[in-house]
Amino acid sequence: MNIIEVKNVTKKFDDKIIVDSLTLNVKQGETIGIVGRNGSGKTVLLKMICGLYIPTSGNITINSNKSNAEKLGVLIDSNFLSDETGFYNLKLLSQLGVKIKEDKIYELLKLVGLDPYNKTKYKNYSMGMKQKLKLANALMYDSEILILDEPFNGLDKDSVNHFRNIILQYKKQKKTILLTSHNYEDIKLLCDKIYEMDKGILKEVDDYEEK
């Protein structure tokens, strides 16, 4: 069963084609890795799947009876308030969809390696702390689909290993995961299928090797 279907999707900004007649089918429970150079169109594709961008042409379908808040857990851009703590940011975001209890927010912050009682404002977070908060936000609704754009950026080696284990646990739960990464080990370890994107064109690769 395909849970995500991208059919003949093109995305243009002005006259520039960023995603070119792209088709992608993702089955429920698959982990899909997308690799490619900066500017190849990976993030634009993920943003269209999430509904942040509208395709210029083509169709994207997500097969689910759940509400949008429960359907997708997304790590792409952050809309956190710079003068608030990580806990307050998640608490505020949790009110926008299905409400999440404070106990769960505390647990999520601990899971990703952040102190839920830390009063540091988001604007003073390190890059690694910001990335951890993004992941906590993506996991907040226990969504059936996770969209993770470069989830390991800015993390130290121990945090990368910890986050990989979190994703592996979600794989065991038959979650559907789309992720991009520049790291060869991430892709080989985590993904069931690997696609390479170049100049807006996507193709599956059987034996992805580090370049």
Protein backbone atom coordinates (compact mmCIF):
# COMPACT_ATOMS: atom_id res chain seq x y z
CA MET A 1 0.00 0.00 0.00
CA ASN A 2 1.36 3.40 -1.01
CA ILE A 3 1.00 5.91 1.79
CA ILE A 4 2.65 8.74 -0.18
CA GLU A 5 2.17 9.21 -3.92
CA VAL A 6 3.94 11.95 -5.87
CA LYS A 7 2.77 11.95 -9.49
CA ASN A 8 4.45 13.95 -12.26
CA VAL A 9 5.19 16.85 -9.93
CA THR A 10 6.99 19.93 -11.20
CA LYS A 11 7.90 22.97 -9.13
CA LYS A 12 9.05 26.24 -10.66
CA PHE A 13 10.17 29.45 -9.03
CA ASP A 14 9.70 32.12 -11.68
CA ASP A 15 10.97 30.36 -14.80
CA LYS A 16 13.46 28.10 -13.02
CA ILE A 17 12.53 24.42 -12.71
CA ILE A 18 13.51 23.10 -9.26
CA VAL A 19 11.64 19.78 -9.36
CA ASP A 20 11.09 18.28 -12.80
CA SER A 21 8.19 15.87 -13.58
CA LEU A 22 8.96 13.82 -10.48
CA THR A 23 7.15 10.62 -9.48
CA LEU A 24 7.69 8.82 -6.16
CA ASN A 25 5.67 6.12 -4.44
CA VAL A 26 6.34 5.32 -0.78
CA LYS A 27 4.84 2.25 0.85
CA GLN A 28 3.63 2.22 4.42
CA GLY A 29 6.50 1.37 6.78
CA GLU A 30 9.30 2.17 4.32
CA THR A 31 12.26 4.38 5.13
CA ILE A 32 13.30 6.32 2.05
CA GLY A 33 16.61 8.16 1.79
CA ILE A 34 17.14 11.01 -0.67
CA VAL A 35 20.66 12.16 -1.46
CA GLY A 36 21.95 14.91 -3.71
CA ARG A 37 23.96 18.10 -3.82
CA ASN A 38 22.78 21.33 -2.25
CA GLY A 39 20.26 22.93 -4.59
CA SER A 40 19.28 19.63 -6.22
CA GLY A 41 15.64 20.02 -5.12
CA LYS A 42 15.51 17.66 -2.12
CA THR A 43 14.17 20.15 0.40
CA VAL A 44 11.67 21.61 -2.08
CA LEU A 45 10.30 18.11 -2.67
CA LEU A 46 9.89 17.50 1.06
CA LYS A 47 8.22 20.88 1.51
CA MET A 48 5.69 20.00 -1.19
CA ILE A 49 4.93 16.67 0.47
CA CYS A 50 4.37 18.55 3.74
CA GLY A 51 2.13 21.12 2.07
CA LEU A 52 4.52 24.01 2.65
CA TYR A 53 4.87 24.51 -1.12
CA ILE A 54 2.22 23.94 -3.78
CA PRO A 55 3.37 22.08 -6.92
CA THR A 56 3.32 24.02 -10.16
CA SER A 57 1.86 20.90 -11.75
CA GLY A 58 1.20 17.29 -10.76
CA ASN A 59 -0.37 15.79 -7.66
CA ILE A 60 0.72 14.66 -4.21
CA THR A 61 -1.49 12.31 -2.18
CA ILE A 62 -1.05 11.13 1.39
CA ASN A 63 -3.30 8.19 2.20
CA SER A 64 -4.50 8.56 5.77
CA ASN A 65 -7.72 9.02 7.66
CA LYS A 66 -6.00 10.92 10.43
CA SER A 67 -5.91 14.69 10.87
CA ASN A 68 -2.99 16.63 9.40
CA ALA A 69 -1.43 17.13 12.84
CA GLU A 70 -1.25 13.40 13.42
CA LYS A 71 -0.33 12.50 9.87
CA LEU A 72 3.08 14.14 9.54
CA GLY A 73 5.99 14.73 11.87
CA VAL A 74 8.22 17.27 10.15
CA LEU A 75 11.83 18.38 10.62
CA ILE A 76 12.51 20.98 7.94
CA ASP A 77 12.21 24.60 9.00
CA SER A 78 11.64 25.87 12.51
CA ASN A 79 9.17 28.52 13.63
CA PHE A 80 10.31 28.71 17.21
CA LEU A 81 10.01 31.87 19.26
CA SER A 82 13.51 33.20 19.83
CA ASP A 83 12.80 34.70 23.27
CA GLU A 84 11.19 31.58 24.75
CA THR A 85 12.52 28.30 26.13
CA GLY A 86 12.45 25.01 24.29
CA PHE A 87 9.74 23.67 26.59
CA TYR A 88 7.53 26.73 26.09
CA ASN A 89 7.94 26.54 22.31
CA LEU A 90 6.81 22.92 22.22
CA LYS A 91 3.96 23.62 24.62
CA LEU A 92 2.75 26.45 22.41
CA LEU A 93 3.00 24.38 19.23
CA SER A 94 1.17 21.50 20.91
CA GLN A 95 -1.90 23.72 21.31
CA LEU A 96 -2.22 24.18 17.54
CA GLY A 97 -3.26 20.60 16.81
CA VAL A 98 -4.11 17.69 19.02
CA LYS A 99 -3.16 18.92 22.47
CA ILE A 100 -0.15 17.22 24.05
CA LYS A 101 0.16 16.86 27.80
CA GLU A 102 3.07 18.60 29.48
CA ASP A 103 4.39 15.27 30.79
CA LYS A 104 4.88 14.07 27.22
CA ILE A 105 6.74 17.25 26.30
CA TYR A 106 9.09 16.72 29.24
CA GLU A 107 9.67 13.13 28.08
CA LEU A 108 10.36 14.20 24.49
CA LEU A 109 12.90 16.79 25.51
CA LYS A 110 14.71 14.24 27.64
CA LEU A 111 14.56 11.70 24.80
CA VAL A 112 16.40 14.03 22.41
CA GLY A 113 18.94 15.07 25.04
CA LEU A 114 17.58 18.44 26.17
CA ASP A 115 16.88 19.50 29.75
CA PRO A 116 13.15 20.36 29.94
CA TYR A 117 13.82 22.65 32.90
CA ASN A 118 16.52 24.66 31.12
CA LYS A 119 15.52 28.33 31.05
CA THR A 120 17.85 29.22 28.16
CA LYS A 121 16.03 31.09 25.41
CA TYR A 122 15.94 29.53 21.96
CA LYS A 123 17.98 32.37 20.44
CA ASN A 124 20.86 31.37 22.72
CA TYR A 125 20.72 27.68 21.83
CA SER A 126 23.69 26.09 20.07
CA MET A 127 23.11 24.64 16.60
CA GLY A 128 22.98 21.16 18.10
CA MET A 129 20.39 22.18 20.70
CA LYS A 130 18.24 23.75 17.99
CA GLN A 131 18.41 20.54 15.96
CA LYS A 132 17.38 18.48 18.98
CA LEU A 133 14.38 20.74 19.56
CA LYS A 134 13.38 20.35 15.90
CA LEU A 135 13.45 16.58 16.29
CA ALA A 136 11.40 16.73 19.49
CA ASN A 137 8.83 18.80 17.60
CA ALA A 138 8.76 16.28 14.74
CA LEU A 139 8.15 13.41 17.16
CA MET A 140 5.57 15.21 19.29
CA TYR A 141 2.41 13.73 17.77
CA ASP A 142 3.71 10.18 17.33
CA SER A 143 2.90 10.61 13.64
CA GLU A 144 2.68 7.71 11.21
CA ILE A 145 4.88 9.60 8.71
CA LEU A 146 8.14 11.39 9.51
CA ILE A 147 9.69 13.89 7.09
CA LEU A 148 13.27 14.63 8.18
CA ASP A 149 15.46 17.04 6.23
CA GLU A 150 19.11 16.60 7.26
CA PRO A 151 18.14 15.48 10.79
CA PHE A 152 21.75 15.07 11.96
CA ASN A 153 23.03 18.55 11.09
CA GLY A 154 24.97 20.23 13.89
CA LEU A 155 25.05 17.17 16.16
CA ASP A 156 28.09 15.66 17.82
CA LYS A 157 28.96 12.00 17.28
CA ASP A 158 27.17 10.74 20.40
CA SER A 159 24.00 12.66 19.50
CA VAL A 160 24.09 11.34 15.93
CA ASN A 161 24.26 7.77 17.23
CA HIS A 162 21.44 8.48 19.68
CA PHE A 163 19.23 9.98 16.95
CA ARG A 164 19.94 7.07 14.63
CA ASN A 165 18.73 4.71 17.35
CA ILE A 166 15.56 6.77 17.77
CA ILE A 167 14.86 6.48 14.03
CA LEU A 168 15.59 2.74 14.10
CA GLN A 169 13.02 2.35 16.87
CA TYR A 170 10.48 4.17 14.72
CA LYS A 171 11.32 1.85 11.83
CA LYS A 172 10.50 -1.12 14.08
CA GLN A 173 7.12 0.50 14.74
CA LYS A 174 6.50 0.49 10.96
CA LYS A 175 6.52 4.27 10.68
CA THR A 176 6.99 5.68 7.20
CA ILE A 177 10.12 7.86 7.06
CA LEU A 178 11.55 10.16 4.38
CA LEU A 179 14.94 11.62 5.15
CA THR A 180 17.73 13.47 3.45
CA SER A 181 21.32 13.30 4.58
CA HIS A 182 24.80 14.08 3.28
CA ASN A 183 26.20 11.30 5.45
CA TYR A 184 26.85 7.96 3.73
CA GLU A 185 26.50 5.97 6.98
CA ASP A 186 23.12 7.50 7.80
CA ILE A 187 21.69 6.51 4.44
CA LYS A 188 23.12 2.99 4.38
CA LEU A 189 22.14 2.22 7.96
CA LEU A 190 18.63 3.63 8.04
CA CYS A 191 17.08 3.43 4.59
CA ASP A 192 15.24 0.66 2.76
CA LYS A 193 15.43 2.49 -0.57
CA ILE A 194 17.76 5.24 -1.72
CA TYR A 195 17.06 7.88 -4.34
CA GLU A 196 19.46 10.39 -5.82
CA MET A 197 18.27 13.82 -6.86
CA ASP A 198 20.09 15.91 -9.44
CA LYS A 199 18.78 19.10 -11.05
CA GLY A 200 15.24 18.29 -9.94
CA ILE A 201 15.22 14.75 -11.32
CA LEU A 202 14.89 11.78 -8.97
CA LYS A 203 16.15 8.27 -9.66
CA GLU A 204 16.45 5.19 -7.48
CA VAL A 205 19.96 3.85 -6.94
CA ASP A 206 20.60 0.20 -6.15
CA ASP A 207 24.02 0.56 -4.58
CA TYR A 208 24.62 4.03 -3.20
CA GLU A 209 28.30 4.73 -2.62
CA GLU A 210 29.92 7.66 -0.88
CA LYS A 211 31.09 10.37 -3.30
